[in-house]
Amino acid sequence: MSHMCIDTAVRACQDFGFRVVLLDDACATKDLTYNDEI
Protein backbone atom coordinates (compact mmCIF):
# COMPACT_ATOMS: atom_id res chain seq x y z
CA MET A 1 0.00 0.00 0.00
CA SER A 2 1.24 3.49 -0.89
CA HIS A 3 0.90 4.81 2.66
CA MET A 4 2.52 1.87 4.42
CA CYS A 5 4.86 -0.67 2.82
CA ILE A 6 5.65 1.39 -0.29
CA ASP A 7 6.46 4.48 1.78
CA THR A 8 8.58 2.46 4.21
CA ALA A 9 10.58 0.72 1.46
CA VAL A 10 11.22 3.92 -0.51
CA ARG A 11 12.50 5.77 2.54
CA ALA A 12 14.68 2.82 3.62
CA CYS A 13 16.34 2.74 0.19
CA GLN A 14 17.95 6.09 0.98
CA ASP A 15 19.50 4.59 4.13
CA PHE A 16 21.17 1.93 1.98
CA GLY A 17 22.28 4.26 -0.82
CA PHE A 18 19.89 3.12 -3.55
CA ARG A 19 18.29 5.51 -6.03
CA VAL A 20 14.55 4.99 -6.47
CA VAL A 21 12.02 5.48 -9.21
CA LEU A 22 8.52 5.10 -7.78
CA LEU A 23 5.69 4.29 -10.18
CA ASP A 24 2.75 6.41 -9.03
CA ASP A 25 0.11 4.60 -11.08
CA ALA A 26 1.46 1.14 -10.21
CA CYS A 27 0.67 1.58 -6.50
CA ALA A 28 -2.59 1.44 -4.59
CA THR A 29 -3.86 2.29 -1.12
CA LYS A 30 -7.13 2.69 0.77
CA ASP A 31 -9.16 5.22 2.71
CA LEU A 32 -7.70 6.08 6.10
CA THR A 33 -9.36 7.51 9.18
CA TYR A 34 -7.79 10.21 11.34
CA ASN A 35 -9.57 12.17 14.11
CA ASP A 36 -12.85 10.55 13.06
CA GLU A 37 -12.44 11.91 9.53
CA ILE A 38 -12.20 9.66 6.49
PDB file of all heavy atoms in Angstrom:
ATOM      1  N   MET A   1       0.839  -1.177   0.000  1.00  0.00           N
ATOM      2  CA  MET A   1       0.000   0.000   0.000  1.00  0.00           C
ATOM      3  C   MET A   1       0.891   1.250   0.000  1.00  0.00           C
ATOM      4  O   MET A   1       1.880   1.293   0.717  1.00  0.00           O
ATOM      5  CB  MET A   1      -0.873   0.043   1.247  1.00  0.00           C
ATOM      6  CG  MET A   1      -1.902  -1.066   1.325  1.00  0.00           C
ATOM      7  SD  MET A   1      -3.096  -0.921   2.704  1.00  0.00           S
ATOM      8  CE  MET A   1      -2.052  -1.266   4.098  1.00  0.00           C
ATOM      9  N   SER A   2       0.462   2.252  -0.740  1.00  0.00           N
ATOM     10  CA  SER A   2       1.240   3.490  -0.890  1.00  0.00           C
ATOM     11  C   SER A   2       1.629   4.088   0.451  1.00  0.00           C
ATOM     12  O   SER A   2       2.759   4.534   0.641  1.00  0.00           O
ATOM     13  CB  SER A   2       0.439   4.547  -1.667  1.00  0.00           C
ATOM     14  OG  SER A   2      -0.050   4.035  -2.874  1.00  0.00           O
ATOM     15  N   HIS A   3       0.682   4.109   1.386  1.00  0.00           N
ATOM     16  CA  HIS A   3       0.903   4.812   2.660  1.00  0.00           C
ATOM     17  C   HIS A   3       1.661   3.981   3.697  1.00  0.00           C
ATOM     18  O   HIS A   3       2.008   4.503   4.754  1.00  0.00           O
ATOM     19  CB  HIS A   3      -0.446   5.255   3.249  1.00  0.00           C
ATOM     20  CG  HIS A   3      -1.227   4.150   3.861  1.00  0.00           C
ATOM     21  ND1 HIS A   3      -2.021   3.302   3.126  1.00  0.00           N
ATOM     22  CD2 HIS A   3      -1.329   3.735   5.142  1.00  0.00           C
ATOM     23  CE1 HIS A   3      -2.582   2.430   3.927  1.00  0.00           C
ATOM     24  NE2 HIS A   3      -2.189   2.672   5.159  1.00  0.00           N
ATOM     25  N   MET A   4       1.922   2.731   3.403  1.00  0.00           N
ATOM     26  CA  MET A   4       2.521   1.872   4.419  1.00  0.00           C
ATOM     27  C   MET A   4       3.801   1.221   3.887  1.00  0.00           C
ATOM     28  O   MET A   4       4.893   1.719   4.107  1.00  0.00           O
ATOM     29  CB  MET A   4       1.503   0.801   4.852  1.00  0.00           C
ATOM     30  CG  MET A   4       1.983  -0.117   5.936  1.00  0.00           C
ATOM     31  SD  MET A   4       2.172   0.659   7.542  1.00  0.00           S
ATOM     32  CE  MET A   4       0.486   1.060   7.949  1.00  0.00           C
ATOM     33  N   CYS A   5       3.677   0.109   3.220  1.00  0.00           N
ATOM     34  CA  CYS A   5       4.857  -0.668   2.819  1.00  0.00           C
ATOM     35  C   CYS A   5       5.631  -0.016   1.673  1.00  0.00           C
ATOM     36  O   CYS A   5       6.857  -0.139   1.626  1.00  0.00           O
ATOM     37  CB  CYS A   5       4.445  -2.092   2.474  1.00  0.00           C
ATOM     38  SG  CYS A   5       3.717  -2.931   3.915  1.00  0.00           S
ATOM     39  N   ILE A   6       4.949   0.673   0.788  1.00  0.00           N
ATOM     40  CA  ILE A   6       5.652   1.392  -0.286  1.00  0.00           C
ATOM     41  C   ILE A   6       6.445   2.545   0.324  1.00  0.00           C
ATOM     42  O   ILE A   6       7.643   2.693   0.081  1.00  0.00           O
ATOM     43  CB  ILE A   6       4.672   1.900  -1.361  1.00  0.00           C
ATOM     44  CG1 ILE A   6       3.968   0.723  -2.047  1.00  0.00           C
ATOM     45  CG2 ILE A   6       5.375   2.800  -2.363  1.00  0.00           C
ATOM     46  CD1 ILE A   6       4.880  -0.240  -2.781  1.00  0.00           C
ATOM     47  N   ASP A   7       5.801   3.357   1.126  1.00  0.00           N
ATOM     48  CA  ASP A   7       6.461   4.485   1.781  1.00  0.00           C
ATOM     49  C   ASP A   7       7.675   4.019   2.584  1.00  0.00           C
ATOM     50  O   ASP A   7       8.760   4.582   2.481  1.00  0.00           O
ATOM     51  CB  ASP A   7       5.464   5.204   2.696  1.00  0.00           C
ATOM     52  CG  ASP A   7       6.094   6.330   3.488  1.00  0.00           C
ATOM     53  OD1 ASP A   7       6.508   7.333   2.879  1.00  0.00           O
ATOM     54  OD2 ASP A   7       6.178   6.200   4.732  1.00  0.00           O
ATOM     55  N   THR A   8       7.506   2.968   3.355  1.00  0.00           N
ATOM     56  CA  THR A   8       8.582   2.457   4.207  1.00  0.00           C
ATOM     57  C   THR A   8       9.770   1.973   3.381  1.00  0.00           C
ATOM     58  O   THR A   8      10.922   2.278   3.696  1.00  0.00           O
ATOM     59  CB  THR A   8       8.056   1.313   5.109  1.00  0.00           C
ATOM     60  OG1 THR A   8       6.936   1.808   5.854  1.00  0.00           O
ATOM     61  CG2 THR A   8       9.113   0.828   6.070  1.00  0.00           C
ATOM     62  N   ALA A   9       9.497   1.239   2.308  1.00  0.00           N
ATOM     63  CA  ALA A   9      10.580   0.724   1.457  1.00  0.00           C
ATOM     64  C   ALA A   9      11.325   1.856   0.753  1.00  0.00           C
ATOM     65  O   ALA A   9      12.561   1.857   0.698  1.00  0.00           O
ATOM     66  CB  ALA A   9      10.022  -0.251   0.430  1.00  0.00           C
ATOM     67  N   VAL A  10      10.582   2.811   0.214  1.00  0.00           N
ATOM     68  CA  VAL A  10      11.220   3.922  -0.507  1.00  0.00           C
ATOM     69  C   VAL A  10      12.145   4.694   0.428  1.00  0.00           C
ATOM     70  O   VAL A  10      13.294   4.982   0.085  1.00  0.00           O
ATOM     71  CB  VAL A  10      10.159   4.848  -1.139  1.00  0.00           C
ATOM     72  CG1 VAL A  10      10.789   6.132  -1.657  1.00  0.00           C
ATOM     73  CG2 VAL A  10       9.429   4.130  -2.267  1.00  0.00           C
ATOM     74  N   ARG A  11      11.677   5.010   1.597  1.00  0.00           N
ATOM     75  CA  ARG A  11      12.505   5.769   2.542  1.00  0.00           C
ATOM     76  C   ARG A  11      13.725   4.965   2.992  1.00  0.00           C
ATOM     77  O   ARG A  11      14.818   5.500   3.127  1.00  0.00           O
ATOM     78  CB  ARG A  11      11.665   6.207   3.743  1.00  0.00           C
ATOM     79  CG  ARG A  11      10.644   7.275   3.384  1.00  0.00           C
ATOM     80  CD  ARG A  11       9.719   7.607   4.552  1.00  0.00           C
ATOM     81  NE  ARG A  11       8.634   8.470   4.140  1.00  0.00           N
ATOM     82  CZ  ARG A  11       8.673   9.796   4.145  1.00  0.00           C
ATOM     83  NH1 ARG A  11       9.766  10.419   4.544  1.00  0.00           N
ATOM     84  NH2 ARG A  11       7.640  10.508   3.748  1.00  0.00           N
ATOM     85  N   ALA A  12      13.561   3.668   3.194  1.00  0.00           N
ATOM     86  CA  ALA A  12      14.677   2.820   3.617  1.00  0.00           C
ATOM     87  C   ALA A  12      15.755   2.738   2.535  1.00  0.00           C
ATOM     88  O   ALA A  12      16.940   2.621   2.854  1.00  0.00           O
ATOM     89  CB  ALA A  12      14.176   1.430   3.973  1.00  0.00           C
ATOM     90  N   CYS A  13      15.355   2.807   1.280  1.00  0.00           N
ATOM     91  CA  CYS A  13      16.341   2.735   0.188  1.00  0.00           C
ATOM     92  C   CYS A  13      17.389   3.829   0.320  1.00  0.00           C
ATOM     93  O   CYS A  13      18.570   3.606   0.030  1.00  0.00           O
ATOM     94  CB  CYS A  13      15.646   2.833  -1.165  1.00  0.00           C
ATOM     95  SG  CYS A  13      14.844   1.297  -1.652  1.00  0.00           S
ATOM     96  N   GLN A  14      16.985   4.993   0.780  1.00  0.00           N
ATOM     97  CA  GLN A  14      17.946   6.090   0.976  1.00  0.00           C
ATOM     98  C   GLN A  14      18.987   5.702   2.026  1.00  0.00           C
ATOM     99  O   GLN A  14      20.169   5.993   1.870  1.00  0.00           O
ATOM    100  CB  GLN A  14      17.214   7.366   1.386  1.00  0.00           C
ATOM    101  CG  GLN A  14      18.136   8.566   1.458  1.00  0.00           C
ATOM    102  CD  GLN A  14      17.386   9.820   1.837  1.00  0.00           C
ATOM    103  OE1 GLN A  14      16.934   9.954   2.978  1.00  0.00           O
ATOM    104  NE2 GLN A  14      17.241  10.729   0.889  1.00  0.00           N
ATOM    105  N   ASP A  15      18.568   5.025   3.079  1.00  0.00           N
ATOM    106  CA  ASP A  15      19.495   4.587   4.125  1.00  0.00           C
ATOM    107  C   ASP A  15      20.579   3.658   3.584  1.00  0.00           C
ATOM    108  O   ASP A  15      21.688   3.628   4.103  1.00  0.00           O
ATOM    109  CB  ASP A  15      18.749   3.855   5.249  1.00  0.00           C
ATOM    110  CG  ASP A  15      17.778   4.748   5.993  1.00  0.00           C
ATOM    111  OD1 ASP A  15      17.940   5.983   5.960  1.00  0.00           O
ATOM    112  OD2 ASP A  15      16.842   4.195   6.612  1.00  0.00           O
ATOM    113  N   PHE A  16      20.243   2.900   2.548  1.00  0.00           N
ATOM    114  CA  PHE A  16      21.173   1.926   1.984  1.00  0.00           C
ATOM    115  C   PHE A  16      21.867   2.424   0.721  1.00  0.00           C
ATOM    116  O   PHE A  16      22.634   1.687   0.104  1.00  0.00           O
ATOM    117  CB  PHE A  16      20.449   0.605   1.706  1.00  0.00           C
ATOM    118  CG  PHE A  16      19.914  -0.044   2.950  1.00  0.00           C
ATOM    119  CD1 PHE A  16      18.552  -0.074   3.203  1.00  0.00           C
ATOM    120  CD2 PHE A  16      20.768  -0.619   3.879  1.00  0.00           C
ATOM    121  CE1 PHE A  16      18.047  -0.673   4.351  1.00  0.00           C
ATOM    122  CE2 PHE A  16      20.276  -1.217   5.034  1.00  0.00           C
ATOM    123  CZ  PHE A  16      18.923  -1.242   5.275  1.00  0.00           C
ATOM    124  N   GLY A  17      21.584   3.666   0.312  1.00  0.00           N
ATOM    125  CA  GLY A  17      22.282   4.258  -0.822  1.00  0.00           C
ATOM    126  C   GLY A  17      21.728   3.914  -2.187  1.00  0.00           C
ATOM    127  O   GLY A  17      22.415   4.105  -3.203  1.00  0.00           O
ATOM    128  N   PHE A  18      20.495   3.439  -2.263  1.00  0.00           N
ATOM    129  CA  PHE A  18      19.887   3.123  -3.551  1.00  0.00           C
ATOM    130  C   PHE A  18      19.091   4.310  -4.076  1.00  0.00           C
ATOM    131  O   PHE A  18      18.413   4.998  -3.319  1.00  0.00           O
ATOM    132  CB  PHE A  18      18.951   1.912  -3.431  1.00  0.00           C
ATOM    133  CG  PHE A  18      19.635   0.668  -2.957  1.00  0.00           C
ATOM    134  CD1 PHE A  18      19.387   0.158  -1.693  1.00  0.00           C
ATOM    135  CD2 PHE A  18      20.534   0.004  -3.774  1.00  0.00           C
ATOM    136  CE1 PHE A  18      20.013  -0.993  -1.241  1.00  0.00           C
ATOM    137  CE2 PHE A  18      21.179  -1.161  -3.336  1.00  0.00           C
ATOM    138  CZ  PHE A  18      20.917  -1.645  -2.072  1.00  0.00           C
ATOM    139  N   ARG A  19      19.150   4.521  -5.373  1.00  0.00           N
ATOM    140  CA  ARG A  19      18.294   5.515  -6.029  1.00  0.00           C
ATOM    141  C   ARG A  19      16.981   4.826  -6.395  1.00  0.00           C
ATOM    142  O   ARG A  19      16.969   3.668  -6.800  1.00  0.00           O
ATOM    143  CB  ARG A  19      18.969   6.076  -7.275  1.00  0.00           C
ATOM    144  CG  ARG A  19      20.145   6.990  -6.957  1.00  0.00           C
ATOM    145  CD  ARG A  19      20.714   7.614  -8.223  1.00  0.00           C
ATOM    146  NE  ARG A  19      21.229   6.608  -9.145  1.00  0.00           N
ATOM    147  CZ  ARG A  19      22.497   6.187  -9.193  1.00  0.00           C
ATOM    148  NH1 ARG A  19      23.390   6.691  -8.364  1.00  0.00           N
ATOM    149  NH2 ARG A  19      22.878   5.273 -10.068  1.00  0.00           N
ATOM    150  N   VAL A  20      15.874   5.578  -6.272  1.00  0.00           N
ATOM    151  CA  VAL A  20      14.550   4.988  -6.467  1.00  0.00           C
ATOM    152  C   VAL A  20      13.740   5.752  -7.497  1.00  0.00           C
ATOM    153  O   VAL A  20      13.685   6.980  -7.480  1.00  0.00           O
ATOM    154  CB  VAL A  20      13.757   4.954  -5.135  1.00  0.00           C
ATOM    155  CG1 VAL A  20      12.325   4.475  -5.353  1.00  0.00           C
ATOM    156  CG2 VAL A  20      14.462   4.077  -4.114  1.00  0.00           C
ATOM    157  N   VAL A  21      13.109   4.984  -8.378  1.00  0.00           N
ATOM    158  CA  VAL A  21      12.023   5.479  -9.213  1.00  0.00           C
ATOM    159  C   VAL A  21      10.771   4.812  -8.670  1.00  0.00           C
ATOM    160  O   VAL A  21      10.715   3.583  -8.544  1.00  0.00           O
ATOM    161  CB  VAL A  21      12.230   5.120 -10.703  1.00  0.00           C
ATOM    162  CG1 VAL A  21      10.977   5.412 -11.508  1.00  0.00           C
ATOM    163  CG2 VAL A  21      13.419   5.877 -11.272  1.00  0.00           C
ATOM    164  N   LEU A  22       9.778   5.602  -8.329  1.00  0.00           N
ATOM    165  CA  LEU A  22       8.522   5.103  -7.783  1.00  0.00           C
ATOM    166  C   LEU A  22       7.429   5.307  -8.822  1.00  0.00           C
ATOM    167  O   LEU A  22       7.234   6.421  -9.308  1.00  0.00           O
ATOM    168  CB  LEU A  22       8.186   5.837  -6.477  1.00  0.00           C
ATOM    169  CG  LEU A  22       6.877   5.477  -5.794  1.00  0.00           C
ATOM    170  CD1 LEU A  22       6.788   3.981  -5.482  1.00  0.00           C
ATOM    171  CD2 LEU A  22       6.703   6.309  -4.521  1.00  0.00           C
ATOM    172  N   LEU A  23       6.743   4.243  -9.157  1.00  0.00           N
ATOM    173  CA  LEU A  23       5.694   4.295 -10.179  1.00  0.00           C
ATOM    174  C   LEU A  23       4.347   4.613  -9.542  1.00  0.00           C
ATOM    175  O   LEU A  23       3.686   3.735  -8.979  1.00  0.00           O
ATOM    176  CB  LEU A  23       5.644   2.975 -10.948  1.00  0.00           C
ATOM    177  CG  LEU A  23       6.943   2.584 -11.650  1.00  0.00           C
ATOM    178  CD1 LEU A  23       6.811   1.228 -12.321  1.00  0.00           C
ATOM    179  CD2 LEU A  23       7.366   3.661 -12.645  1.00  0.00           C
ATOM    180  N   ASP A  24       3.972   5.862  -9.638  1.00  0.00           N
ATOM    181  CA  ASP A  24       2.755   6.408  -9.031  1.00  0.00           C
ATOM    182  C   ASP A  24       1.515   5.596  -9.363  1.00  0.00           C
ATOM    183  O   ASP A  24       0.725   5.254  -8.485  1.00  0.00           O
ATOM    184  CB  ASP A  24       2.609   7.861  -9.501  1.00  0.00           C
ATOM    185  CG  ASP A  24       1.266   8.461  -9.221  1.00  0.00           C
ATOM    186  OD1 ASP A  24       1.075   8.990  -8.124  1.00  0.00           O
ATOM    187  OD2 ASP A  24       0.397   8.410 -10.123  1.00  0.00           O
ATOM    188  N   ASP A  25       1.333   5.276 -10.641  1.00  0.00           N
ATOM    189  CA  ASP A  25       0.110   4.603 -11.080  1.00  0.00           C
ATOM    190  C   ASP A  25       0.216   3.082 -11.016  1.00  0.00           C
ATOM    191  O   ASP A  25      -0.676   2.368 -11.480  1.00  0.00           O
ATOM    192  CB  ASP A  25      -0.280   5.060 -12.484  1.00  0.00           C
ATOM    193  CG  ASP A  25       0.814   4.853 -13.511  1.00  0.00           C
ATOM    194  OD1 ASP A  25       1.951   4.483 -13.157  1.00  0.00           O
ATOM    195  OD2 ASP A  25       0.538   5.087 -14.710  1.00  0.00           O
ATOM    196  N   ALA A  26       1.296   2.578 -10.422  1.00  0.00           N
ATOM    197  CA  ALA A  26       1.460   1.142 -10.210  1.00  0.00           C
ATOM    198  C   ALA A  26       1.476   0.851  -8.709  1.00  0.00           C
ATOM    199  O   ALA A  26       2.084  -0.113  -8.247  1.00  0.00           O
ATOM    200  CB  ALA A  26       2.730   0.647 -10.890  1.00  0.00           C
ATOM    201  N   CYS A  27       0.821   1.728  -7.950  1.00  0.00           N
ATOM    202  CA  CYS A  27       0.672   1.576  -6.501  1.00  0.00           C
ATOM    203  C   CYS A  27      -0.800   1.806  -6.151  1.00  0.00           C
ATOM    204  O   CYS A  27      -1.514   2.496  -6.881  1.00  0.00           O
ATOM    205  CB  CYS A  27       1.524   2.601  -5.746  1.00  0.00           C
ATOM    206  SG  CYS A  27       3.303   2.409  -5.962  1.00  0.00           S
ATOM    207  N   ALA A  28      -1.217   1.252  -5.046  1.00  0.00           N
ATOM    208  CA  ALA A  28      -2.594   1.438  -4.587  1.00  0.00           C
ATOM    209  C   ALA A  28      -2.599   1.548  -3.068  1.00  0.00           C
ATOM    210  O   ALA A  28      -1.675   1.106  -2.392  1.00  0.00           O
ATOM    211  CB  ALA A  28      -3.466   0.268  -5.030  1.00  0.00           C
ATOM    212  N   THR A  29      -3.688   2.157  -2.566  1.00  0.00           N
ATOM    213  CA  THR A  29      -3.862   2.288  -1.121  1.00  0.00           C
ATOM    214  C   THR A  29      -5.351   2.259  -0.800  1.00  0.00           C
ATOM    215  O   THR A  29      -6.166   1.858  -1.642  1.00  0.00           O
ATOM    216  CB  THR A  29      -3.144   3.553  -0.595  1.00  0.00           C
ATOM    217  OG1 THR A  29      -3.022   3.451   0.824  1.00  0.00           O
ATOM    218  CG2 THR A  29      -3.830   4.843  -0.972  1.00  0.00           C
ATOM    219  N   LYS A  30      -5.728   2.695   0.371  1.00  0.00           N
ATOM    220  CA  LYS A  30      -7.135   2.688   0.770  1.00  0.00           C
ATOM    221  C   LYS A  30      -7.453   3.938   1.579  1.00  0.00           C
ATOM    222  O   LYS A  30      -6.566   4.695   1.958  1.00  0.00           O
ATOM    223  CB  LYS A  30      -7.449   1.443   1.585  1.00  0.00           C
ATOM    224  CG  LYS A  30      -6.687   1.332   2.892  1.00  0.00           C
ATOM    225  CD  LYS A  30      -7.059   0.036   3.586  1.00  0.00           C
ATOM    226  CE  LYS A  30      -6.296  -0.159   4.867  1.00  0.00           C
ATOM    227  NZ  LYS A  30      -6.696  -1.383   5.555  1.00  0.00           N
ATOM    228  N   ASP A  31      -8.741   4.127   1.841  1.00  0.00           N
ATOM    229  CA  ASP A  31      -9.160   5.219   2.710  1.00  0.00           C
ATOM    230  C   ASP A  31      -8.552   5.015   4.090  1.00  0.00           C
ATOM    231  O   ASP A  31      -8.415   3.884   4.554  1.00  0.00           O
ATOM    232  CB  ASP A  31     -10.690   5.238   2.879  1.00  0.00           C
ATOM    233  CG  ASP A  31     -11.463   5.541   1.612  1.00  0.00           C
ATOM    234  OD1 ASP A  31     -10.854   5.958   0.606  1.00  0.00           O
ATOM    235  OD2 ASP A  31     -12.695   5.348   1.622  1.00  0.00           O
ATOM    236  N   LEU A  32      -8.185   6.115   4.720  1.00  0.00           N
ATOM    237  CA  LEU A  32      -7.703   6.076   6.097  1.00  0.00           C
ATOM    238  C   LEU A  32      -8.603   6.949   6.960  1.00  0.00           C
ATOM    239  O   LEU A  32      -9.272   7.851   6.455  1.00  0.00           O
ATOM    240  CB  LEU A  32      -6.267   6.592   6.178  1.00  0.00           C
ATOM    241  CG  LEU A  32      -5.200   5.778   5.454  1.00  0.00           C
ATOM    242  CD1 LEU A  32      -3.831   6.438   5.615  1.00  0.00           C
ATOM    243  CD2 LEU A  32      -5.162   4.343   5.957  1.00  0.00           C
ATOM    244  N   THR A  33      -8.591   6.698   8.238  1.00  0.00           N
ATOM    245  CA  THR A  33      -9.357   7.509   9.178  1.00  0.00           C
ATOM    246  C   THR A  33      -8.395   8.152  10.166  1.00  0.00           C
ATOM    247  O   THR A  33      -7.511   7.488  10.711  1.00  0.00           O
ATOM    248  CB  THR A  33     -10.383   6.643   9.938  1.00  0.00           C
ATOM    249  OG1 THR A  33     -11.227   6.002   8.988  1.00  0.00           O
ATOM    250  CG2 THR A  33     -11.220   7.493  10.878  1.00  0.00           C
ATOM    251  N   TYR A  34      -8.595   9.463  10.369  1.00  0.00           N
ATOM    252  CA  TYR A  34      -7.790  10.215  11.338  1.00  0.00           C
ATOM    253  C   TYR A  34      -8.694  11.239  12.008  1.00  0.00           C
ATOM    254  O   TYR A  34      -9.405  11.983  11.325  1.00  0.00           O
ATOM    255  CB  TYR A  34      -6.618  10.907  10.625  1.00  0.00           C
ATOM    256  CG  TYR A  34      -5.730  11.688  11.566  1.00  0.00           C
ATOM    257  CD1 TYR A  34      -4.904  11.033  12.479  1.00  0.00           C
ATOM    258  CD2 TYR A  34      -5.733  13.070  11.555  1.00  0.00           C
ATOM    259  CE1 TYR A  34      -4.100  11.740  13.349  1.00  0.00           C
ATOM    260  CE2 TYR A  34      -4.931  13.793  12.422  1.00  0.00           C
ATOM    261  CZ  TYR A  34      -4.111  13.122  13.319  1.00  0.00           C
ATOM    262  OH  TYR A  34      -3.325  13.826  14.184  1.00  0.00           O
ATOM    263  N   ASN A  35      -8.700  11.274  13.336  1.00  0.00           N
ATOM    264  CA  ASN A  35      -9.569  12.174  14.107  1.00  0.00           C
ATOM    265  C   ASN A  35     -11.020  12.072  13.647  1.00  0.00           C
ATOM    266  O   ASN A  35     -11.698  13.073  13.433  1.00  0.00           O
ATOM    267  CB  ASN A  35      -9.092  13.626  13.998  1.00  0.00           C
ATOM    268  CG  ASN A  35      -7.870  13.884  14.832  1.00  0.00           C
ATOM    269  OD1 ASN A  35      -7.574  13.164  15.779  1.00  0.00           O
ATOM    270  ND2 ASN A  35      -7.137  14.916  14.466  1.00  0.00           N
ATOM    271  N   ASP A  36     -11.472  10.847  13.480  1.00  0.00           N
ATOM    272  CA  ASP A  36     -12.847  10.555  13.056  1.00  0.00           C
ATOM    273  C   ASP A  36     -13.199  11.099  11.674  1.00  0.00           C
ATOM    274  O   ASP A  36     -14.368  11.224  11.338  1.00  0.00           O
ATOM    275  CB  ASP A  36     -13.866  11.069  14.095  1.00  0.00           C
ATOM    276  CG  ASP A  36     -13.722  10.381  15.434  1.00  0.00           C
ATOM    277  OD1 ASP A  36     -13.452   9.160  15.446  1.00  0.00           O
ATOM    278  OD2 ASP A  36     -13.869  11.060  16.470  1.00  0.00           O
ATOM    279  N   GLU A  37     -12.209  11.422  10.894  1.00  0.00           N
ATOM    280  CA  GLU A  37     -12.438  11.906   9.528  1.00  0.00           C
ATOM    281  C   GLU A  37     -11.882  10.890   8.545  1.00  0.00           C
ATOM    282  O   GLU A  37     -10.760  10.397   8.711  1.00  0.00           O
ATOM    283  CB  GLU A  37     -11.734  13.255   9.318  1.00  0.00           C
ATOM    284  CG  GLU A  37     -11.894  13.819   7.938  1.00  0.00           C
ATOM    285  CD  GLU A  37     -11.114  15.120   7.736  1.00  0.00           C
ATOM    286  OE1 GLU A  37     -10.638  15.703   8.720  1.00  0.00           O
ATOM    287  OE2 GLU A  37     -10.972  15.519   6.574  1.00  0.00           O
ATOM    288  N   ILE A  38     -12.658  10.588   7.521  1.00  0.00           N
ATOM    289  CA  ILE A  38     -12.201   9.660   6.487  1.00  0.00           C
ATOM    290  C   ILE A  38     -11.409  10.445   5.450  1.00  0.00           C
ATOM    291  O   ILE A  38     -11.893  11.437   4.899  1.00  0.00           O
ATOM    292  CB  ILE A  38     -13.384   8.927   5.832  1.00  0.00           C
ATOM    293  CG1 ILE A  38     -14.071   8.036   6.868  1.00  0.00           C
ATOM    294  CG2 ILE A  38     -12.912   8.116   4.622  1.00  0.00           C
ATOM    295  CD1 ILE A  38     -15.334   7.381   6.377  1.00  0.00           C
TER     296      ILE A  38
END
